Amino acid sequence: MTKRKGADSEETKEAILSAAAEEFYECGYEKASLRHICSMAGVTTGAVYCFFDNKEDLLFNVMLPIFNIVSSISIDYDKVLNDDFTAFDDFQKFFSANRKLYHILYNNMSNPVIKGYLDSIADEFGCQIIEMARKVVSGKGELPAATSEYISRCLAPIMVYSIIKIIAEEPDDLIVTQRLVTTVMVFKNGILSLLK
């Protein structure tokens, strides 16, 4: 007997996520149609609601691989301080394989699901940059509170959005890598100049 596509719930869920990713990529979140997603996935609307609360929950689950990758990759900032950008190798492998997701992320940054994620990433990134800055000033005094606030509230979000823009807009992996390294160097040197 032939196994129907909908017979396996994990297979159905993956088909819905794949169709939703394609729809969000092609149409954007606002114009994406649940009916079209269901049609592409070969399922009923009821099947979507078995797995996801609504379209926003579907977007969250489509973006989950990006949301998870940042928390799972640890960056060695000692390497970054020494201009060794192999610290970003795992991140680069992921974005090369998931460029469509970055395109969705970039084109839907005002969506509450994505904005909340980006804000939390910027906060985490700000904390990591502040820790890196503390290593630099270690033994020379304390990192000024105003500098920490400036890094976390202003520079970290700009860096996060810059990285997403580079990945989403440039199709060539080599150019993306070069631009990411340049961007990180600009921010690193800018932050180091604040500490002098």
C-alpha atoms as a PDB file:
ATOM      1  CA  MET A   1       0.000   0.000   0.000  1.00  0.00           C
ATOM      2  CA  THR A   2       1.289   3.447  -0.883  1.00  0.00           C
ATOM      3  CA  LYS A   3       1.869   5.778   2.044  1.00  0.00           C
ATOM      4  CA  ARG A   4      -0.106   8.982   1.740  1.00  0.00           C
ATOM      5  CA  LYS A   5       1.795  12.249   2.240  1.00  0.00           C
ATOM      6  CA  GLY A   6      -0.407  13.242   5.177  1.00  0.00           C
ATOM      7  CA  ALA A   7      -0.135   9.881   6.906  1.00  0.00           C
ATOM      8  CA  ASP A   8       3.051  10.819   8.740  1.00  0.00           C
ATOM      9  CA  SER A   9       2.600  13.885  10.946  1.00  0.00           C
ATOM     10  CA  GLU A  10       6.287  14.864  10.892  1.00  0.00           C
ATOM     11  CA  GLU A  11       6.300  14.638   7.105  1.00  0.00           C
ATOM     12  CA  THR A  12       3.155  16.785   6.957  1.00  0.00           C
ATOM     13  CA  LYS A  13       4.621  19.370   9.296  1.00  0.00           C
ATOM     14  CA  GLU A  14       7.816  19.561   7.216  1.00  0.00           C
ATOM     15  CA  ALA A  15       5.796  19.919   3.995  1.00  0.00           C
ATOM     16  CA  ILE A  16       3.852  22.817   5.545  1.00  0.00           C
ATOM     17  CA  LEU A  17       7.037  24.512   6.783  1.00  0.00           C
ATOM     18  CA  SER A  18       8.701  24.120   3.393  1.00  0.00           C
ATOM     19  CA  ALA A  19       5.682  25.537   1.552  1.00  0.00           C
ATOM     20  CA  ALA A  20       5.376  28.388   4.068  1.00  0.00           C
ATOM     21  CA  ALA A  21       9.067  29.271   3.695  1.00  0.00           C
ATOM     22  CA  GLU A  22       8.624  29.435  -0.079  1.00  0.00           C
ATOM     23  CA  GLU A  23       5.462  31.547   0.246  1.00  0.00           C
ATOM     24  CA  PHE A  24       7.029  33.952   2.761  1.00  0.00           C
ATOM     25  CA  TYR A  25      10.089  34.225   0.523  1.00  0.00           C
ATOM     26  CA  GLU A  26       8.077  34.904  -2.645  1.00  0.00           C
ATOM     27  CA  CYS A  27       5.268  37.078  -1.223  1.00  0.00           C
ATOM     28  CA  GLY A  28       6.401  38.376   2.158  1.00  0.00           C
ATOM     29  CA  TYR A  29       4.564  37.696   5.397  1.00  0.00           C
ATOM     30  CA  GLU A  30       1.696  40.154   4.887  1.00  0.00           C
ATOM     31  CA  LYS A  31       0.764  38.907   1.411  1.00  0.00           C
ATOM     32  CA  ALA A  32       1.382  35.231   2.143  1.00  0.00           C
ATOM     33  CA  SER A  33      -1.744  33.106   1.786  1.00  0.00           C
ATOM     34  CA  LEU A  34      -2.460  30.162   4.068  1.00  0.00           C
ATOM     35  CA  ARG A  35      -4.585  28.654   1.292  1.00  0.00           C
ATOM     36  CA  HIS A  36      -1.669  28.825  -1.117  1.00  0.00           C
ATOM     37  CA  ILE A  37       0.668  27.341   1.508  1.00  0.00           C
ATOM     38  CA  CYS A  38      -1.803  24.468   2.032  1.00  0.00           C
ATOM     39  CA  SER A  39      -2.093  23.937  -1.712  1.00  0.00           C
ATOM     40  CA  MET A  40       1.697  23.792  -2.156  1.00  0.00           C
ATOM     41  CA  ALA A  41       2.028  21.419   0.816  1.00  0.00           C
ATOM     42  CA  GLY A  42      -0.846  19.229  -0.366  1.00  0.00           C
ATOM     43  CA  VAL A  43      -2.743  19.552   2.911  1.00  0.00           C
ATOM     44  CA  THR A  44      -5.954  21.088   4.213  1.00  0.00           C
ATOM     45  CA  THR A  45      -6.144  24.272   6.252  1.00  0.00           C
ATOM     46  CA  GLY A  46      -7.116  22.088   9.199  1.00  0.00           C
ATOM     47  CA  ALA A  47      -3.766  20.312   8.950  1.00  0.00           C
ATOM     48  CA  VAL A  48      -1.968  23.646   9.343  1.00  0.00           C
ATOM     49  CA  TYR A  49      -3.936  24.380  12.500  1.00  0.00           C
ATOM     50  CA  CYS A  50      -3.050  20.942  13.908  1.00  0.00           C
ATOM     51  CA  PHE A  51       0.575  22.101  14.053  1.00  0.00           C
ATOM     52  CA  PHE A  52       0.471  25.910  14.239  1.00  0.00           C
ATOM     53  CA  ASP A  53      -1.757  28.377  16.092  1.00  0.00           C
ATOM     54  CA  ASN A  54      -1.900  30.925  13.276  1.00  0.00           C
ATOM     55  CA  LYS A  55       0.137  32.470  10.458  1.00  0.00           C
ATOM     56  CA  GLU A  56       2.410  34.238  12.944  1.00  0.00           C
ATOM     57  CA  ASP A  57       3.182  30.949  14.701  1.00  0.00           C
ATOM     58  CA  LEU A  58       3.897  29.433  11.286  1.00  0.00           C
ATOM     59  CA  LEU A  59       6.363  32.268  10.557  1.00  0.00           C
ATOM     60  CA  PHE A  60       8.037  31.707  13.932  1.00  0.00           C
ATOM     61  CA  ASN A  61       8.508  28.000  13.145  1.00  0.00           C
ATOM     62  CA  VAL A  62       9.799  28.712   9.636  1.00  0.00           C
ATOM     63  CA  MET A  63      12.385  31.071  11.169  1.00  0.00           C
ATOM     64  CA  LEU A  64      13.260  28.736  14.062  1.00  0.00           C
ATOM     65  CA  PRO A  65      16.465  27.428  12.418  1.00  0.00           C
ATOM     66  CA  ILE A  66      17.853  30.987  12.341  1.00  0.00           C
ATOM     67  CA  PHE A  67      16.564  31.713  15.822  1.00  0.00           C
ATOM     68  CA  ASN A  68      18.337  28.597  17.130  1.00  0.00           C
ATOM     69  CA  ILE A  69      21.626  28.906  15.254  1.00  0.00           C
ATOM     70  CA  VAL A  70      22.689  32.149  16.907  1.00  0.00           C
ATOM     71  CA  SER A  71      22.241  30.701  20.373  1.00  0.00           C
ATOM     72  CA  SER A  72      24.061  27.490  19.450  1.00  0.00           C
ATOM     73  CA  ILE A  73      27.170  29.058  17.890  1.00  0.00           C
ATOM     74  CA  SER A  74      29.709  30.399  20.323  1.00  0.00           C
ATOM     75  CA  ILE A  75      32.062  33.014  18.910  1.00  0.00           C
ATOM     76  CA  ASP A  76      35.611  33.178  20.201  1.00  0.00           C
ATOM     77  CA  TYR A  77      36.064  36.903  20.654  1.00  0.00           C
ATOM     78  CA  ASP A  78      39.748  36.478  21.468  1.00  0.00           C
ATOM     79  CA  LYS A  79      40.136  35.360  17.850  1.00  0.00           C
ATOM     80  CA  VAL A  80      38.108  38.353  16.646  1.00  0.00           C
ATOM     81  CA  LEU A  81      40.315  40.721  18.657  1.00  0.00           C
ATOM     82  CA  ASN A  82      43.291  39.217  16.821  1.00  0.00           C
ATOM     83  CA  ASP A  83      41.605  39.575  13.399  1.00  0.00           C
ATOM     84  CA  ASP A  84      41.093  35.801  13.147  1.00  0.00           C
ATOM     85  CA  PHE A  85      37.643  35.551  11.606  1.00  0.00           C
ATOM     86  CA  THR A  86      37.517  31.754  11.551  1.00  0.00           C
ATOM     87  CA  ALA A  87      35.412  32.328  14.659  1.00  0.00           C
ATOM     88  CA  PHE A  88      32.512  32.916  12.250  1.00  0.00           C
ATOM     89  CA  ASP A  89      32.995  29.760  10.130  1.00  0.00           C
ATOM     90  CA  ASP A  90      30.005  27.846  11.562  1.00  0.00           C
ATOM     91  CA  PHE A  91      27.801  30.887  11.102  1.00  0.00           C
ATOM     92  CA  GLN A  92      28.939  31.282   7.483  1.00  0.00           C
ATOM     93  CA  LYS A  93      28.208  27.634   6.683  1.00  0.00           C
ATOM     94  CA  PHE A  94      24.708  28.058   8.061  1.00  0.00           C
ATOM     95  CA  PHE A  95      23.862  31.233   6.165  1.00  0.00           C
ATOM     96  CA  SER A  96      25.137  29.730   2.897  1.00  0.00           C
ATOM     97  CA  ALA A  97      22.702  26.858   3.289  1.00  0.00           C
ATOM     98  CA  ASN A  98      19.779  29.026   4.478  1.00  0.00           C
ATOM     99  CA  ARG A  99      19.901  32.203   2.440  1.00  0.00           C
ATOM    100  CA  LYS A 100      16.127  32.201   1.794  1.00  0.00           C
ATOM    101  CA  LEU A 101      15.473  32.336   5.524  1.00  0.00           C
ATOM    102  CA  TYR A 102      17.695  35.414   5.834  1.00  0.00           C
ATOM    103  CA  HIS A 103      15.795  36.992   2.951  1.00  0.00           C
ATOM    104  CA  ILE A 104      12.513  36.344   4.817  1.00  0.00           C
ATOM    105  CA  LEU A 105      14.045  37.756   8.001  1.00  0.00           C
ATOM    106  CA  TYR A 106      15.310  40.874   6.249  1.00  0.00           C
ATOM    107  CA  ASN A 107      12.082  41.585   4.382  1.00  0.00           C
ATOM    108  CA  ASN A 108       9.862  41.138   7.442  1.00  0.00           C
ATOM    109  CA  MET A 109      11.871  42.937  10.143  1.00  0.00           C
ATOM    110  CA  SER A 110       8.851  44.924  11.329  1.00  0.00           C
ATOM    111  CA  ASN A 111       6.854  41.759  12.043  1.00  0.00           C
ATOM    112  CA  PRO A 112       6.551  41.360  15.847  1.00  0.00           C
ATOM    113  CA  VAL A 113       7.903  37.779  15.782  1.00  0.00           C
ATOM    114  CA  ILE A 114      11.018  38.793  13.867  1.00  0.00           C
ATOM    115  CA  LYS A 115      11.450  42.151  15.588  1.00  0.00           C
ATOM    116  CA  GLY A 116      11.328  40.454  18.994  1.00  0.00           C
ATOM    117  CA  TYR A 117      13.955  37.977  17.877  1.00  0.00           C
ATOM    118  CA  LEU A 118      16.203  40.690  16.438  1.00  0.00           C
ATOM    119  CA  ASP A 119      15.893  42.746  19.621  1.00  0.00           C
ATOM    120  CA  SER A 120      16.885  39.748  21.750  1.00  0.00           C
ATOM    121  CA  ILE A 121      19.822  38.953  19.442  1.00  0.00           C
ATOM    122  CA  ALA A 122      20.967  42.584  19.561  1.00  0.00           C
ATOM    123  CA  ASP A 123      20.771  42.476  23.374  1.00  0.00           C
ATOM    124  CA  GLU A 124      22.794  39.258  23.503  1.00  0.00           C
ATOM    125  CA  PHE A 125      25.264  40.568  20.942  1.00  0.00           C
ATOM    126  CA  GLY A 126      25.628  43.807  22.925  1.00  0.00           C
ATOM    127  CA  CYS A 127      26.474  41.796  26.051  1.00  0.00           C
ATOM    128  CA  GLN A 128      29.081  39.806  24.127  1.00  0.00           C
ATOM    129  CA  ILE A 129      30.657  42.976  22.712  1.00  0.00           C
ATOM    130  CA  ILE A 130      30.755  44.515  26.188  1.00  0.00           C
ATOM    131  CA  GLU A 131      32.509  41.381  27.501  1.00  0.00           C
ATOM    132  CA  MET A 132      35.013  41.665  24.655  1.00  0.00           C
ATOM    133  CA  ALA A 133      35.541  45.339  25.509  1.00  0.00           C
ATOM    134  CA  ARG A 134      36.088  44.447  29.174  1.00  0.00           C
ATOM    135  CA  LYS A 135      38.866  42.064  28.121  1.00  0.00           C
ATOM    136  CA  VAL A 136      40.515  44.908  26.245  1.00  0.00           C
ATOM    137  CA  VAL A 137      40.394  47.319  29.198  1.00  0.00           C
ATOM    138  CA  SER A 138      41.269  44.640  31.758  1.00  0.00           C
ATOM    139  CA  GLY A 139      43.932  46.048  34.059  1.00  0.00           C
ATOM    140  CA  LYS A 140      43.435  49.568  32.667  1.00  0.00           C
ATOM    141  CA  GLY A 141      40.327  50.390  34.669  1.00  0.00           C
ATOM    142  CA  GLU A 142      36.621  49.773  34.429  1.00  0.00           C
ATOM    143  CA  LEU A 143      34.561  50.026  31.258  1.00  0.00           C
ATOM    144  CA  PRO A 144      32.554  53.264  31.588  1.00  0.00           C
ATOM    145  CA  ALA A 145      28.802  52.701  32.024  1.00  0.00           C
ATOM    146  CA  ALA A 146      28.045  55.203  29.254  1.00  0.00           C
ATOM    147  CA  THR A 147      30.247  53.209  26.856  1.00  0.00           C
ATOM    148  CA  SER A 148      28.504  49.959  27.781  1.00  0.00           C
ATOM    149  CA  GLU A 149      25.099  51.523  27.243  1.00  0.00           C
ATOM    150  CA  TYR A 150      26.168  53.032  23.914  1.00  0.00           C
ATOM    151  CA  ILE A 151      27.485  49.674  22.719  1.00  0.00           C
ATOM    152  CA  SER A 152      24.402  47.718  23.757  1.00  0.00           C
ATOM    153  CA  ARG A 153      21.725  50.252  22.749  1.00  0.00           C
ATOM    154  CA  CYS A 154      23.242  51.692  19.561  1.00  0.00           C
ATOM    155  CA  LEU A 155      26.100  49.712  18.075  1.00  0.00           C
ATOM    156  CA  ALA A 156      24.889  46.138  18.631  1.00  0.00           C
ATOM    157  CA  PRO A 157      21.527  46.580  16.829  1.00  0.00           C
ATOM    158  CA  ILE A 158      23.251  48.346  13.915  1.00  0.00           C
ATOM    159  CA  MET A 159      25.708  45.475  13.595  1.00  0.00           C
ATOM    160  CA  VAL A 160      22.959  42.823  13.715  1.00  0.00           C
ATOM    161  CA  TYR A 161      20.905  44.587  11.038  1.00  0.00           C
ATOM    162  CA  SER A 162      24.027  45.148   8.900  1.00  0.00           C
ATOM    163  CA  ILE A 163      24.921  41.468   8.980  1.00  0.00           C
ATOM    164  CA  ILE A 164      21.382  40.412   8.032  1.00  0.00           C
ATOM    165  CA  LYS A 165      21.292  42.949   5.181  1.00  0.00           C
ATOM    166  CA  ILE A 166      24.606  41.702   3.776  1.00  0.00           C
ATOM    167  CA  ILE A 167      23.517  38.061   3.882  1.00  0.00           C
ATOM    168  CA  ALA A 168      20.041  38.716   2.460  1.00  0.00           C
ATOM    169  CA  GLU A 169      21.086  40.953  -0.418  1.00  0.00           C
ATOM    170  CA  GLU A 170      24.329  39.413  -1.706  1.00  0.00           C
ATOM    171  CA  PRO A 171      24.047  36.027  -3.476  1.00  0.00           C
ATOM    172  CA  ASP A 172      27.802  35.355  -3.722  1.00  0.00           C
ATOM    173  CA  ASP A 173      29.160  33.584  -0.609  1.00  0.00           C
ATOM    174  CA  LEU A 174      32.694  34.874  -1.132  1.00  0.00           C
ATOM    175  CA  ILE A 175      31.510  38.488  -1.311  1.00  0.00           C
ATOM    176  CA  VAL A 176      29.282  37.925   1.740  1.00  0.00           C
ATOM    177  CA  THR A 177      32.282  36.625   3.675  1.00  0.00           C
ATOM    178  CA  GLN A 178      34.427  39.592   2.627  1.00  0.00           C
ATOM    179  CA  ARG A 179      31.717  42.083   3.563  1.00  0.00           C
ATOM    180  CA  LEU A 180      31.058  40.405   6.901  1.00  0.00           C
ATOM    181  CA  VAL A 181      34.757  40.496   7.775  1.00  0.00           C
ATOM    182  CA  THR A 182      34.944  44.169   6.751  1.00  0.00           C
ATOM    183  CA  THR A 183      31.843  45.002   8.795  1.00  0.00           C
ATOM    184  CA  VAL A 184      33.131  43.185  11.881  1.00  0.00           C
ATOM    185  CA  MET A 185      36.521  44.911  11.536  1.00  0.00           C
ATOM    186  CA  VAL A 186      34.887  48.346  11.255  1.00  0.00           C
ATOM    187  CA  PHE A 187      32.795  47.749  14.356  1.00  0.00           C
ATOM    188  CA  LYS A 188      35.669  46.134  16.265  1.00  0.00           C
ATOM    189  CA  ASN A 189      38.039  49.009  15.494  1.00  0.00           C
ATOM    190  CA  GLY A 190      35.340  51.558  16.257  1.00  0.00           C
ATOM    191  CA  ILE A 191      34.667  50.005  19.641  1.00  0.00           C
ATOM    192  CA  LEU A 192      38.379  49.732  20.394  1.00  0.00           C
ATOM    193  CA  SER A 193      38.785  53.430  19.556  1.00  0.00           C
ATOM    194  CA  LEU A 194      36.077  54.240  22.123  1.00  0.00           C
ATOM    195  CA  LEU A 195      38.192  52.559  24.763  1.00  0.00           C
ATOM    196  CA  LYS A 196      41.364  54.571  24.151  1.00  0.00           C
END
